[in-house]
């Protein structure tokens, strides 16, 4: 796991300065995720793998009490320089060992974080989410759809996954080789809704404690 941490910190220190400008489309997807999450005014929200903080800031502007946690200090540094950053509690930390008491949050969001993790890290992260989320709470996951679950045109599938395999992190192949449903269920959580986005390549998954 130490190797994983070093890999992620190095990977995102390289792209932090250009991340928001390069991934404009992802910002729109994350906005959609907040809409799907439903009313969040006054809720306690944890944005895991917060990156440059777009989701955390959007939730805070809607009146939530937000914590944004990420492993990359470089990405957090970008988040802390944005307008409204003072509304969020920013923490550099490990998603597999969250520094919070049980049942603290109404809503947890993980946006494009799980495919960046090796399997054991994904499993432990979701177990920690189950621990810190309230029994009445919910988890929103924004992620890539596995190729075997993609239902769009074959030519688009070929092009899309060619570029994803080429430019995504080294754990991406492992991520798409196994259904995320299995890891979610083993953590004591259950999927209640899936919303497809961006020509079917990405999805927003609504998850509740089981």
N, C-alpha and C. Protein backbone atom coordinates (compact mmCIF):
# COMPACT_ATOMS: atom_id res chain seq x y z
N UNK A 1 0.83 -1.21 0.00
CA UNK A 1 0.00 0.00 0.00
C UNK A 1 0.86 1.26 0.00
N UNK A 2 2.05 1.15 0.60
CA UNK A 2 2.95 2.30 0.58
C UNK A 2 3.35 2.63 -0.85
N UNK A 3 3.57 1.60 -1.67
CA UNK A 3 3.90 1.82 -3.07
C UNK A 3 2.76 2.52 -3.79
N UNK A 4 1.54 2.13 -3.46
CA UNK A 4 0.37 2.77 -4.05
C UNK A 4 0.33 4.24 -3.69
N UNK A 5 0.53 4.56 -2.44
CA UNK A 5 0.50 5.95 -2.01
C UNK A 5 1.54 6.78 -2.75
N UNK A 6 2.73 6.27 -2.86
CA UNK A 6 3.80 6.99 -3.55
C UNK A 6 3.45 7.19 -5.02
N UNK A 7 2.87 6.16 -5.63
CA UNK A 7 2.48 6.23 -7.04
C UNK A 7 1.44 7.32 -7.26
N UNK A 8 0.41 7.35 -6.43
CA UNK A 8 -0.67 8.33 -6.59
C UNK A 8 -0.17 9.75 -6.33
N UNK A 9 0.63 9.92 -5.31
CA UNK A 9 1.15 11.25 -5.01
C UNK A 9 2.01 11.77 -6.17
N UNK A 10 2.81 10.91 -6.73
CA UNK A 10 3.66 11.31 -7.85
C UNK A 10 2.82 11.60 -9.09
N UNK A 11 1.85 10.73 -9.35
CA UNK A 11 0.99 10.87 -10.54
C UNK A 11 0.25 12.21 -10.53
N UNK A 12 -0.34 12.56 -9.38
CA UNK A 12 -1.15 13.77 -9.34
C UNK A 12 -0.36 15.03 -9.08
N UNK A 13 0.84 14.90 -8.57
CA UNK A 13 1.69 16.09 -8.46
C UNK A 13 2.07 16.60 -9.85
N UNK A 14 2.10 15.69 -10.81
CA UNK A 14 2.45 16.05 -12.19
C UNK A 14 1.31 16.78 -12.91
N UNK A 15 0.08 16.45 -12.57
CA UNK A 15 -1.06 16.98 -13.33
C UNK A 15 -1.88 18.02 -12.56
N UNK A 16 -1.58 18.24 -11.29
CA UNK A 16 -2.41 19.10 -10.45
C UNK A 16 -2.62 20.49 -11.05
N UNK A 17 -1.56 21.08 -11.61
CA UNK A 17 -1.64 22.46 -12.10
C UNK A 17 -2.53 22.61 -13.33
N UNK A 18 -2.73 21.51 -14.06
CA UNK A 18 -3.54 21.58 -15.29
C UNK A 18 -4.79 20.73 -15.21
N UNK A 19 -5.04 20.13 -14.08
CA UNK A 19 -6.13 19.15 -13.97
C UNK A 19 -7.48 19.75 -14.35
N UNK A 20 -7.84 20.87 -13.76
CA UNK A 20 -9.16 21.45 -14.01
C UNK A 20 -9.34 21.86 -15.47
N UNK A 21 -8.30 22.41 -16.06
CA UNK A 21 -8.39 22.85 -17.46
C UNK A 21 -8.46 21.67 -18.42
N UNK A 22 -7.80 20.58 -18.06
CA UNK A 22 -7.74 19.41 -18.94
C UNK A 22 -9.01 18.58 -18.88
N UNK A 23 -9.61 18.50 -17.70
CA UNK A 23 -10.76 17.62 -17.50
C UNK A 23 -12.04 18.41 -17.27
N UNK A 24 -12.35 19.30 -18.19
CA UNK A 24 -13.54 20.15 -18.09
C UNK A 24 -14.81 19.30 -18.07
N UNK A 25 -14.85 18.26 -18.89
CA UNK A 25 -16.04 17.42 -18.97
C UNK A 25 -16.34 16.72 -17.65
N UNK A 26 -15.29 16.35 -16.93
CA UNK A 26 -15.48 15.68 -15.65
C UNK A 26 -16.17 16.60 -14.65
N UNK A 27 -15.89 17.90 -14.74
CA UNK A 27 -16.55 18.87 -13.87
C UNK A 27 -18.06 18.83 -14.06
N UNK A 28 -18.51 18.71 -15.30
CA UNK A 28 -19.95 18.65 -15.59
C UNK A 28 -20.57 17.37 -15.04
N UNK A 29 -19.82 16.28 -15.13
CA UNK A 29 -20.31 15.00 -14.61
C UNK A 29 -20.45 15.06 -13.11
N UNK A 30 -19.50 15.69 -12.45
CA UNK A 30 -19.56 15.80 -11.00
C UNK A 30 -20.73 16.68 -10.56
N UNK A 31 -21.03 17.69 -11.35
CA UNK A 31 -22.20 18.52 -11.06
C UNK A 31 -23.47 17.68 -11.13
N UNK A 32 -23.55 16.81 -12.13
CA UNK A 32 -24.70 15.92 -12.26
C UNK A 32 -24.82 14.99 -11.06
N UNK A 33 -23.69 14.57 -10.52
CA UNK A 33 -23.70 13.67 -9.37
C UNK A 33 -24.33 14.33 -8.15
N UNK A 34 -24.08 15.61 -7.97
CA UNK A 34 -24.65 16.33 -6.83
C UNK A 34 -26.16 16.43 -6.99
N UNK A 35 -26.62 16.64 -8.21
CA UNK A 35 -28.07 16.70 -8.46
C UNK A 35 -28.70 15.35 -8.12
N UNK A 36 -28.06 14.26 -8.52
CA UNK A 36 -28.57 12.92 -8.25
C UNK A 36 -28.58 12.63 -6.75
N UNK A 37 -27.62 13.20 -6.03
CA UNK A 37 -27.54 12.98 -4.58
C UNK A 37 -28.76 13.52 -3.85
N UNK A 38 -29.45 14.49 -4.45
CA UNK A 38 -30.64 15.06 -3.83
C UNK A 38 -30.32 16.21 -2.90
N UNK A 39 -31.33 16.70 -2.16
CA UNK A 39 -31.14 17.85 -1.26
C UNK A 39 -30.03 17.60 -0.24
N UNK A 40 -29.13 18.57 -0.12
CA UNK A 40 -27.98 18.38 0.79
C UNK A 40 -27.82 19.53 1.78
N UNK A 41 -28.75 20.46 1.80
CA UNK A 41 -28.64 21.61 2.71
C UNK A 41 -28.58 21.13 4.16
N UNK A 42 -27.56 21.56 4.87
CA UNK A 42 -27.41 21.22 6.27
C UNK A 42 -26.82 19.84 6.53
N UNK A 43 -26.57 19.07 5.47
CA UNK A 43 -26.04 17.73 5.67
C UNK A 43 -24.52 17.74 5.89
N UNK A 44 -24.05 16.70 6.55
CA UNK A 44 -22.61 16.49 6.70
C UNK A 44 -22.14 15.64 5.53
N UNK A 45 -21.24 16.20 4.73
CA UNK A 45 -20.80 15.56 3.50
C UNK A 45 -19.30 15.29 3.53
N UNK A 46 -18.92 14.10 3.10
CA UNK A 46 -17.51 13.75 2.94
C UNK A 46 -17.25 13.52 1.46
N UNK A 47 -16.35 14.32 0.89
CA UNK A 47 -15.93 14.14 -0.49
C UNK A 47 -14.59 13.44 -0.48
N UNK A 48 -14.63 12.12 -0.71
CA UNK A 48 -13.41 11.31 -0.70
C UNK A 48 -12.71 11.40 -2.05
N UNK A 49 -11.39 11.40 -2.02
CA UNK A 49 -10.61 11.59 -3.25
C UNK A 49 -11.05 12.91 -3.89
N UNK A 50 -11.09 13.95 -3.10
CA UNK A 50 -11.65 15.23 -3.51
C UNK A 50 -10.89 15.91 -4.63
N UNK A 51 -9.60 15.57 -4.79
CA UNK A 51 -8.83 16.17 -5.88
C UNK A 51 -8.71 17.67 -5.72
N UNK A 52 -9.10 18.41 -6.76
CA UNK A 52 -9.04 19.88 -6.69
C UNK A 52 -10.30 20.49 -6.10
N UNK A 53 -11.14 19.63 -5.50
CA UNK A 53 -12.22 20.12 -4.65
C UNK A 53 -13.50 20.59 -5.31
N UNK A 54 -13.72 20.28 -6.57
CA UNK A 54 -14.91 20.80 -7.25
C UNK A 54 -16.20 20.34 -6.59
N UNK A 55 -16.31 19.07 -6.26
CA UNK A 55 -17.53 18.57 -5.63
C UNK A 55 -17.67 19.12 -4.22
N UNK A 56 -16.59 19.12 -3.46
CA UNK A 56 -16.64 19.64 -2.09
C UNK A 56 -17.11 21.08 -2.07
N UNK A 57 -16.59 21.90 -2.96
CA UNK A 57 -16.96 23.31 -3.01
C UNK A 57 -18.41 23.49 -3.45
N UNK A 58 -18.84 22.70 -4.42
CA UNK A 58 -20.22 22.80 -4.88
C UNK A 58 -21.20 22.42 -3.77
N UNK A 59 -20.87 21.40 -2.99
CA UNK A 59 -21.72 21.01 -1.87
C UNK A 59 -21.75 22.09 -0.79
N UNK A 60 -20.60 22.67 -0.50
CA UNK A 60 -20.51 23.72 0.52
C UNK A 60 -21.34 24.93 0.12
N UNK A 61 -21.33 25.27 -1.15
CA UNK A 61 -22.11 26.42 -1.62
C UNK A 61 -23.61 26.19 -1.49
N UNK A 62 -23.99 24.93 -1.43
CA UNK A 62 -25.41 24.60 -1.27
C UNK A 62 -25.81 24.45 0.20
N UNK A 63 -24.88 24.76 1.09
CA UNK A 63 -25.22 24.78 2.51
C UNK A 63 -24.89 23.52 3.28
N UNK A 64 -24.00 22.69 2.74
CA UNK A 64 -23.58 21.48 3.46
C UNK A 64 -22.34 21.76 4.30
N UNK A 65 -22.14 20.93 5.30
CA UNK A 65 -20.92 20.97 6.10
C UNK A 65 -19.98 19.92 5.51
N UNK A 66 -18.94 20.37 4.83
CA UNK A 66 -18.18 19.49 3.96
C UNK A 66 -16.74 19.27 4.42
N UNK A 67 -16.31 18.01 4.32
CA UNK A 67 -14.91 17.66 4.47
C UNK A 67 -14.43 17.11 3.13
N UNK A 68 -13.33 17.65 2.63
CA UNK A 68 -12.72 17.14 1.41
C UNK A 68 -11.41 16.47 1.75
N UNK A 69 -11.28 15.18 1.45
CA UNK A 69 -10.08 14.43 1.82
C UNK A 69 -9.42 13.85 0.58
N UNK A 70 -8.09 13.96 0.52
CA UNK A 70 -7.35 13.42 -0.62
C UNK A 70 -5.95 13.01 -0.18
N UNK A 71 -5.39 12.08 -0.92
CA UNK A 71 -4.04 11.60 -0.64
C UNK A 71 -2.98 12.54 -1.19
N UNK A 72 -3.36 13.37 -2.18
CA UNK A 72 -2.39 14.22 -2.87
C UNK A 72 -2.37 15.64 -2.32
N UNK A 73 -1.27 16.03 -1.74
CA UNK A 73 -1.13 17.40 -1.23
C UNK A 73 -1.13 18.41 -2.37
N UNK A 74 -0.64 18.00 -3.54
CA UNK A 74 -0.61 18.91 -4.69
C UNK A 74 -2.02 19.25 -5.16
N UNK A 75 -2.89 18.25 -5.20
CA UNK A 75 -4.28 18.49 -5.61
C UNK A 75 -5.01 19.33 -4.56
N UNK A 76 -4.77 19.05 -3.30
CA UNK A 76 -5.40 19.82 -2.22
C UNK A 76 -4.94 21.28 -2.24
N UNK A 77 -3.70 21.50 -2.58
CA UNK A 77 -3.19 22.87 -2.66
C UNK A 77 -3.97 23.67 -3.69
N UNK A 78 -4.32 23.04 -4.81
CA UNK A 78 -5.14 23.71 -5.83
C UNK A 78 -6.53 23.99 -5.29
N UNK A 79 -7.09 23.04 -4.59
CA UNK A 79 -8.43 23.20 -4.03
C UNK A 79 -8.48 24.37 -3.05
N UNK A 80 -7.47 24.49 -2.23
CA UNK A 80 -7.45 25.51 -1.19
C UNK A 80 -7.31 26.93 -1.73
N UNK A 81 -6.93 27.06 -3.00
CA UNK A 81 -6.78 28.38 -3.60
C UNK A 81 -8.05 28.85 -4.33
N UNK A 82 -9.07 28.03 -4.36
CA UNK A 82 -10.29 28.37 -5.10
C UNK A 82 -11.24 29.22 -4.27
N UNK A 83 -12.10 29.94 -4.96
CA UNK A 83 -13.11 30.74 -4.29
C UNK A 83 -14.00 29.85 -3.42
N UNK A 84 -14.21 30.27 -2.18
CA UNK A 84 -15.06 29.51 -1.28
C UNK A 84 -14.35 28.40 -0.54
N UNK A 85 -13.03 28.29 -0.72
CA UNK A 85 -12.28 27.20 -0.09
C UNK A 85 -12.40 27.20 1.43
N UNK A 86 -12.62 28.38 1.99
CA UNK A 86 -12.73 28.48 3.45
C UNK A 86 -14.00 27.80 3.98
N UNK A 87 -14.92 27.46 3.10
CA UNK A 87 -16.16 26.80 3.51
C UNK A 87 -15.99 25.31 3.73
N UNK A 88 -14.84 24.78 3.30
CA UNK A 88 -14.60 23.34 3.36
C UNK A 88 -13.44 23.03 4.31
N UNK A 89 -13.57 21.93 5.02
CA UNK A 89 -12.45 21.42 5.83
C UNK A 89 -11.64 20.48 4.95
N UNK A 90 -10.40 20.87 4.64
CA UNK A 90 -9.55 20.08 3.75
C UNK A 90 -8.60 19.21 4.56
N UNK A 91 -8.53 17.93 4.22
CA UNK A 91 -7.66 17.02 4.94
C UNK A 91 -6.84 16.19 3.96
N UNK A 92 -5.55 16.09 4.21
CA UNK A 92 -4.71 15.16 3.46
C UNK A 92 -4.74 13.84 4.21
N UNK A 93 -5.21 12.80 3.57
CA UNK A 93 -5.34 11.55 4.29
C UNK A 93 -5.62 10.35 3.42
N UNK A 94 -5.72 9.24 4.09
CA UNK A 94 -5.84 7.92 3.49
C UNK A 94 -7.29 7.45 3.56
N UNK A 95 -7.88 7.13 2.43
CA UNK A 95 -9.29 6.72 2.38
C UNK A 95 -9.53 5.39 3.07
N UNK A 96 -8.48 4.61 3.30
CA UNK A 96 -8.64 3.32 3.96
C UNK A 96 -8.53 3.42 5.48
N UNK A 97 -8.28 4.60 5.98
CA UNK A 97 -8.12 4.81 7.42
C UNK A 97 -8.62 6.20 7.77
N UNK A 98 -9.93 6.37 7.70
CA UNK A 98 -10.53 7.69 7.85
C UNK A 98 -10.52 8.16 9.31
N UNK A 99 -10.16 9.41 9.54
CA UNK A 99 -10.05 9.94 10.91
C UNK A 99 -11.36 10.48 11.46
N UNK A 100 -12.43 9.69 11.31
CA UNK A 100 -13.76 10.13 11.74
C UNK A 100 -14.43 9.05 12.58
N UNK A 101 -15.34 9.50 13.44
CA UNK A 101 -16.09 8.56 14.25
C UNK A 101 -17.14 7.84 13.39
N UNK A 102 -17.67 6.76 13.91
CA UNK A 102 -18.69 6.01 13.20
C UNK A 102 -19.93 6.85 12.94
N UNK A 103 -20.60 6.60 11.83
CA UNK A 103 -21.91 7.20 11.50
C UNK A 103 -21.89 8.72 11.55
N UNK A 104 -20.87 9.33 11.01
CA UNK A 104 -20.77 10.80 11.06
C UNK A 104 -21.46 11.49 9.89
N UNK A 105 -21.42 10.90 8.70
CA UNK A 105 -21.83 11.63 7.50
C UNK A 105 -23.18 11.19 6.93
N UNK A 106 -23.91 12.19 6.43
CA UNK A 106 -25.17 11.92 5.72
C UNK A 106 -24.91 11.48 4.29
N UNK A 107 -23.84 12.01 3.71
CA UNK A 107 -23.53 11.74 2.31
C UNK A 107 -22.02 11.62 2.13
N UNK A 108 -21.61 10.57 1.43
CA UNK A 108 -20.22 10.40 1.02
C UNK A 108 -20.20 10.34 -0.50
N UNK A 109 -19.25 11.06 -1.11
CA UNK A 109 -19.11 11.05 -2.56
C UNK A 109 -17.69 10.61 -2.92
N UNK A 110 -17.59 9.67 -3.85
CA UNK A 110 -16.29 9.25 -4.38
C UNK A 110 -16.37 9.41 -5.89
N UNK A 111 -15.67 10.38 -6.41
CA UNK A 111 -15.73 10.69 -7.83
C UNK A 111 -14.41 10.33 -8.53
N UNK A 112 -14.46 9.35 -9.40
CA UNK A 112 -13.28 8.91 -10.16
C UNK A 112 -12.09 8.59 -9.26
N UNK A 113 -12.38 7.99 -8.12
CA UNK A 113 -11.32 7.61 -7.20
C UNK A 113 -11.07 6.11 -7.14
N UNK A 114 -12.12 5.32 -7.27
CA UNK A 114 -11.99 3.87 -7.07
C UNK A 114 -11.16 3.19 -8.15
N UNK A 115 -11.24 3.67 -9.39
CA UNK A 115 -10.46 3.03 -10.45
C UNK A 115 -8.97 3.36 -10.35
N UNK A 116 -8.64 4.32 -9.49
CA UNK A 116 -7.24 4.68 -9.27
C UNK A 116 -6.61 3.82 -8.18
N UNK A 117 -7.38 2.88 -7.62
CA UNK A 117 -6.90 2.08 -6.50
C UNK A 117 -6.73 0.61 -6.86
N UNK A 118 -5.76 -0.07 -6.26
CA UNK A 118 -5.71 -1.53 -6.37
C UNK A 118 -6.88 -2.13 -5.61
N UNK A 119 -7.21 -3.38 -5.90
CA UNK A 119 -8.42 -4.00 -5.36
C UNK A 119 -8.51 -3.91 -3.84
N UNK A 120 -7.44 -4.25 -3.14
CA UNK A 120 -7.51 -4.26 -1.68
C UNK A 120 -7.76 -2.88 -1.11
N UNK A 121 -7.30 -1.86 -1.83
CA UNK A 121 -7.52 -0.48 -1.39
C UNK A 121 -8.99 -0.10 -1.59
N UNK A 122 -9.57 -0.51 -2.73
CA UNK A 122 -11.00 -0.25 -2.98
C UNK A 122 -11.86 -0.91 -1.91
N UNK A 123 -11.53 -2.15 -1.60
CA UNK A 123 -12.31 -2.88 -0.60
C UNK A 123 -12.28 -2.18 0.75
N UNK A 124 -11.08 -1.81 1.19
CA UNK A 124 -10.95 -1.16 2.50
C UNK A 124 -11.59 0.22 2.50
N UNK A 125 -11.48 0.95 1.40
CA UNK A 125 -12.10 2.27 1.30
C UNK A 125 -13.62 2.18 1.47
N UNK A 126 -14.24 1.23 0.79
CA UNK A 126 -15.69 1.09 0.90
C UNK A 126 -16.12 0.59 2.28
N UNK A 127 -15.27 -0.20 2.91
CA UNK A 127 -15.56 -0.61 4.29
C UNK A 127 -15.52 0.59 5.23
N UNK A 128 -14.58 1.48 5.00
CA UNK A 128 -14.48 2.69 5.81
C UNK A 128 -15.68 3.62 5.55
N UNK A 129 -16.09 3.69 4.29
CA UNK A 129 -17.29 4.49 3.97
C UNK A 129 -18.49 3.95 4.74
N UNK A 130 -18.64 2.64 4.74
CA UNK A 130 -19.77 2.03 5.47
C UNK A 130 -19.72 2.37 6.95
N UNK A 131 -18.52 2.46 7.49
CA UNK A 131 -18.36 2.76 8.92
C UNK A 131 -18.75 4.19 9.25
N UNK A 132 -18.35 5.14 8.41
CA UNK A 132 -18.55 6.56 8.75
C UNK A 132 -19.87 7.13 8.25
N UNK A 133 -20.61 6.38 7.44
CA UNK A 133 -21.87 6.89 6.92
C UNK A 133 -23.00 6.52 7.88
N UNK A 134 -23.97 7.39 8.00
CA UNK A 134 -25.13 7.12 8.85
C UNK A 134 -25.99 6.01 8.24
N UNK A 135 -26.75 5.34 9.08
CA UNK A 135 -27.63 4.27 8.58
C UNK A 135 -28.67 4.83 7.61
N UNK A 136 -28.98 6.12 7.75
CA UNK A 136 -29.93 6.77 6.85
C UNK A 136 -29.23 7.51 5.71
N UNK A 137 -27.90 7.38 5.65
CA UNK A 137 -27.11 8.12 4.66
C UNK A 137 -27.03 7.44 3.32
N UNK A 138 -26.22 8.01 2.43
CA UNK A 138 -26.06 7.45 1.10
C UNK A 138 -24.66 7.74 0.58
N UNK A 139 -24.25 6.92 -0.34
CA UNK A 139 -22.97 7.05 -1.01
C UNK A 139 -23.23 7.26 -2.50
N UNK A 140 -22.54 8.25 -3.08
CA UNK A 140 -22.61 8.49 -4.51
C UNK A 140 -21.24 8.20 -5.11
N UNK A 141 -21.21 7.28 -6.08
CA UNK A 141 -19.97 6.92 -6.76
C UNK A 141 -20.05 7.37 -8.21
N UNK A 142 -19.04 8.09 -8.67
CA UNK A 142 -18.94 8.46 -10.08
C UNK A 142 -17.75 7.69 -10.66
N UNK A 143 -18.02 6.87 -11.68
CA UNK A 143 -16.95 6.02 -12.20
C UNK A 143 -17.16 5.66 -13.67
N UNK A 144 -16.14 5.04 -14.22
CA UNK A 144 -16.20 4.52 -15.58
C UNK A 144 -16.99 3.22 -15.61
N UNK A 145 -17.70 3.01 -16.70
CA UNK A 145 -18.42 1.76 -16.92
C UNK A 145 -17.44 0.72 -17.46
N UNK A 146 -17.58 -0.52 -17.01
CA UNK A 146 -16.74 -1.60 -17.53
C UNK A 146 -17.09 -1.89 -18.98
N UNK A 147 -16.10 -2.25 -19.80
CA UNK A 147 -16.37 -2.52 -21.22
C UNK A 147 -17.47 -3.55 -21.45
N UNK A 148 -17.53 -4.60 -20.62
CA UNK A 148 -18.54 -5.63 -20.80
C UNK A 148 -19.95 -5.13 -20.49
N UNK A 149 -20.05 -3.98 -19.81
CA UNK A 149 -21.34 -3.42 -19.46
C UNK A 149 -21.72 -2.24 -20.36
N UNK A 150 -20.81 -1.87 -21.25
CA UNK A 150 -21.07 -0.74 -22.15
C UNK A 150 -22.05 -1.17 -23.24
N UNK A 151 -23.07 -0.34 -23.49
CA UNK A 151 -24.14 -0.71 -24.42
C UNK A 151 -24.21 0.20 -25.64
N UNK A 152 -23.23 1.07 -25.81
CA UNK A 152 -23.21 1.99 -26.94
C UNK A 152 -22.67 1.34 -28.21
N UNK A 153 -22.48 2.13 -29.26
CA UNK A 153 -21.97 1.63 -30.55
C UNK A 153 -20.60 0.97 -30.39
N UNK A 154 -20.36 -0.09 -31.13
CA UNK A 154 -19.10 -0.82 -31.03
C UNK A 154 -17.90 0.03 -31.41
N UNK A 155 -18.07 0.87 -32.44
CA UNK A 155 -16.94 1.70 -32.88
C UNK A 155 -16.55 2.72 -31.82
N UNK A 156 -17.58 3.25 -31.12
CA UNK A 156 -17.31 4.22 -30.06
C UNK A 156 -16.67 3.54 -28.86
N UNK A 157 -17.13 2.35 -28.57
CA UNK A 157 -16.55 1.56 -27.48
C UNK A 157 -15.07 1.30 -27.73
N UNK A 158 -14.74 0.93 -28.96
CA UNK A 158 -13.35 0.62 -29.31
C UNK A 158 -12.45 1.83 -29.11
N UNK A 159 -12.91 2.99 -29.60
CA UNK A 159 -12.12 4.21 -29.48
C UNK A 159 -12.00 4.65 -28.02
N UNK A 160 -13.15 4.67 -27.34
CA UNK A 160 -13.18 5.15 -25.96
C UNK A 160 -12.28 4.37 -25.03
N UNK A 161 -12.38 3.05 -25.08
CA UNK A 161 -11.58 2.24 -24.16
C UNK A 161 -10.12 2.15 -24.60
N UNK A 162 -9.86 2.40 -25.85
CA UNK A 162 -8.46 2.49 -26.29
C UNK A 162 -7.76 3.63 -25.55
N UNK A 163 -8.41 4.79 -25.52
CA UNK A 163 -7.79 5.94 -24.86
C UNK A 163 -7.79 5.80 -23.34
N UNK A 164 -8.83 5.21 -22.78
CA UNK A 164 -8.85 5.00 -21.34
C UNK A 164 -7.71 4.05 -20.92
N UNK A 165 -7.55 2.98 -21.65
CA UNK A 165 -6.47 2.04 -21.32
C UNK A 165 -5.09 2.66 -21.50
N UNK A 166 -4.98 3.58 -22.42
CA UNK A 166 -3.70 4.20 -22.72
C UNK A 166 -3.30 5.25 -21.68
N UNK A 167 -4.29 6.03 -21.21
CA UNK A 167 -3.95 7.17 -20.38
C UNK A 167 -4.36 7.06 -18.91
N UNK A 168 -5.21 6.11 -18.57
CA UNK A 168 -5.60 5.97 -17.17
C UNK A 168 -4.47 5.30 -16.37
N UNK A 169 -4.64 5.26 -15.06
CA UNK A 169 -3.59 4.75 -14.17
C UNK A 169 -3.38 3.25 -14.35
N UNK A 170 -2.34 2.75 -13.75
CA UNK A 170 -1.96 1.35 -13.93
C UNK A 170 -2.93 0.38 -13.29
N UNK A 171 -3.84 0.88 -12.45
CA UNK A 171 -4.82 0.00 -11.80
C UNK A 171 -6.13 -0.08 -12.59
N UNK A 172 -6.22 0.63 -13.68
CA UNK A 172 -7.48 0.70 -14.43
C UNK A 172 -7.90 -0.66 -14.98
N UNK A 173 -6.96 -1.41 -15.54
CA UNK A 173 -7.28 -2.73 -16.09
C UNK A 173 -7.82 -3.66 -15.01
N UNK A 174 -7.22 -3.60 -13.85
CA UNK A 174 -7.69 -4.41 -12.74
C UNK A 174 -9.10 -4.00 -12.33
N UNK A 175 -9.35 -2.69 -12.34
CA UNK A 175 -10.66 -2.17 -11.95
C UNK A 175 -11.76 -2.69 -12.86
N UNK A 176 -11.55 -2.64 -14.18
CA UNK A 176 -12.60 -3.02 -15.12
C UNK A 176 -12.72 -4.53 -15.31
N UNK A 177 -11.83 -5.29 -14.68
CA UNK A 177 -11.88 -6.74 -14.83
C UNK A 177 -12.86 -7.40 -13.88
N UNK A 178 -13.32 -6.67 -12.88
CA UNK A 178 -14.22 -7.24 -11.87
C UNK A 178 -15.38 -6.29 -11.60
N UNK A 179 -16.60 -6.81 -11.50
CA UNK A 179 -17.75 -5.94 -11.23
C UNK A 179 -17.57 -5.16 -9.92
N UNK A 180 -17.83 -3.87 -9.96
CA UNK A 180 -17.75 -3.06 -8.75
C UNK A 180 -18.83 -3.48 -7.76
N UNK A 181 -19.92 -4.02 -8.27
CA UNK A 181 -21.03 -4.46 -7.42
C UNK A 181 -20.55 -5.42 -6.33
N UNK A 182 -19.64 -6.31 -6.68
CA UNK A 182 -19.14 -7.31 -5.74
C UNK A 182 -18.45 -6.65 -4.56
N UNK A 183 -17.61 -5.67 -4.83
CA UNK A 183 -16.88 -4.98 -3.77
C UNK A 183 -17.84 -4.15 -2.91
N UNK A 184 -18.80 -3.52 -3.54
CA UNK A 184 -19.79 -2.72 -2.82
C UNK A 184 -20.60 -3.59 -1.86
N UNK A 185 -21.07 -4.71 -2.33
CA UNK A 185 -21.88 -5.60 -1.51
C UNK A 185 -21.09 -6.20 -0.35
N UNK A 186 -19.84 -6.53 -0.60
CA UNK A 186 -19.01 -7.12 0.46
C UNK A 186 -18.70 -6.13 1.57
N UNK A 187 -18.85 -4.83 1.27
CA UNK A 187 -18.61 -3.78 2.28
C UNK A 187 -19.87 -3.48 3.10
N UNK A 188 -20.95 -4.18 2.83
CA UNK A 188 -22.19 -3.94 3.56
C UNK A 188 -23.02 -2.81 2.98
N UNK A 189 -22.92 -2.64 1.67
CA UNK A 189 -23.64 -1.58 0.97
C UNK A 189 -24.45 -2.20 -0.18
N UNK A 190 -25.44 -1.47 -0.68
CA UNK A 190 -26.24 -1.98 -1.79
C UNK A 190 -26.52 -0.87 -2.80
N UNK A 191 -26.46 -1.22 -4.07
CA UNK A 191 -26.73 -0.28 -5.15
C UNK A 191 -28.24 -0.15 -5.34
N UNK A 192 -28.72 1.08 -5.41
CA UNK A 192 -30.15 1.30 -5.62
C UNK A 192 -30.47 1.98 -6.95
N UNK A 193 -29.45 2.58 -7.58
CA UNK A 193 -29.70 3.28 -8.85
C UNK A 193 -28.40 3.47 -9.61
N UNK A 194 -28.48 3.38 -10.93
CA UNK A 194 -27.33 3.68 -11.80
C UNK A 194 -27.81 4.64 -12.87
N UNK A 195 -27.06 5.73 -13.07
CA UNK A 195 -27.39 6.74 -14.07
C UNK A 195 -26.23 6.85 -15.04
N UNK A 196 -26.50 6.58 -16.32
CA UNK A 196 -25.46 6.59 -17.34
C UNK A 196 -25.21 8.01 -17.84
N UNK A 197 -23.90 8.31 -18.09
CA UNK A 197 -23.50 9.63 -18.57
C UNK A 197 -22.44 9.51 -19.66
N UNK A 198 -22.31 10.58 -20.46
CA UNK A 198 -21.25 10.70 -21.48
C UNK A 198 -21.20 9.47 -22.38
N UNK A 199 -22.25 9.31 -23.17
CA UNK A 199 -22.34 8.23 -24.17
C UNK A 199 -22.20 6.85 -23.55
N UNK A 200 -22.52 6.74 -22.27
CA UNK A 200 -22.48 5.45 -21.61
C UNK A 200 -21.15 5.02 -21.05
N UNK A 201 -20.12 5.84 -21.15
CA UNK A 201 -18.80 5.48 -20.65
C UNK A 201 -18.66 5.68 -19.14
N UNK A 202 -19.51 6.51 -18.58
CA UNK A 202 -19.42 6.82 -17.17
C UNK A 202 -20.80 6.67 -16.54
N UNK A 203 -20.82 6.52 -15.22
CA UNK A 203 -22.09 6.37 -14.52
C UNK A 203 -22.01 6.94 -13.12
N UNK A 204 -23.18 7.33 -12.63
CA UNK A 204 -23.32 7.75 -11.24
C UNK A 204 -24.11 6.67 -10.54
N UNK A 205 -23.52 6.11 -9.49
CA UNK A 205 -24.13 4.98 -8.77
C UNK A 205 -24.59 5.46 -7.39
N UNK A 206 -25.85 5.25 -7.10
CA UNK A 206 -26.39 5.59 -5.79
C UNK A 206 -26.37 4.33 -4.92
N UNK A 207 -25.77 4.45 -3.74
CA UNK A 207 -25.55 3.31 -2.86
C UNK A 207 -26.05 3.63 -1.45
N UNK A 208 -26.70 2.66 -0.84
CA UNK A 208 -27.20 2.82 0.52
C UNK A 208 -26.62 1.74 1.43
N UNK A 209 -26.57 1.98 2.74
CA UNK A 209 -26.17 0.93 3.67
C UNK A 209 -27.17 -0.22 3.59
N UNK A 210 -26.68 -1.45 3.61
CA UNK A 210 -27.59 -2.60 3.52
C UNK A 210 -27.94 -3.11 4.92
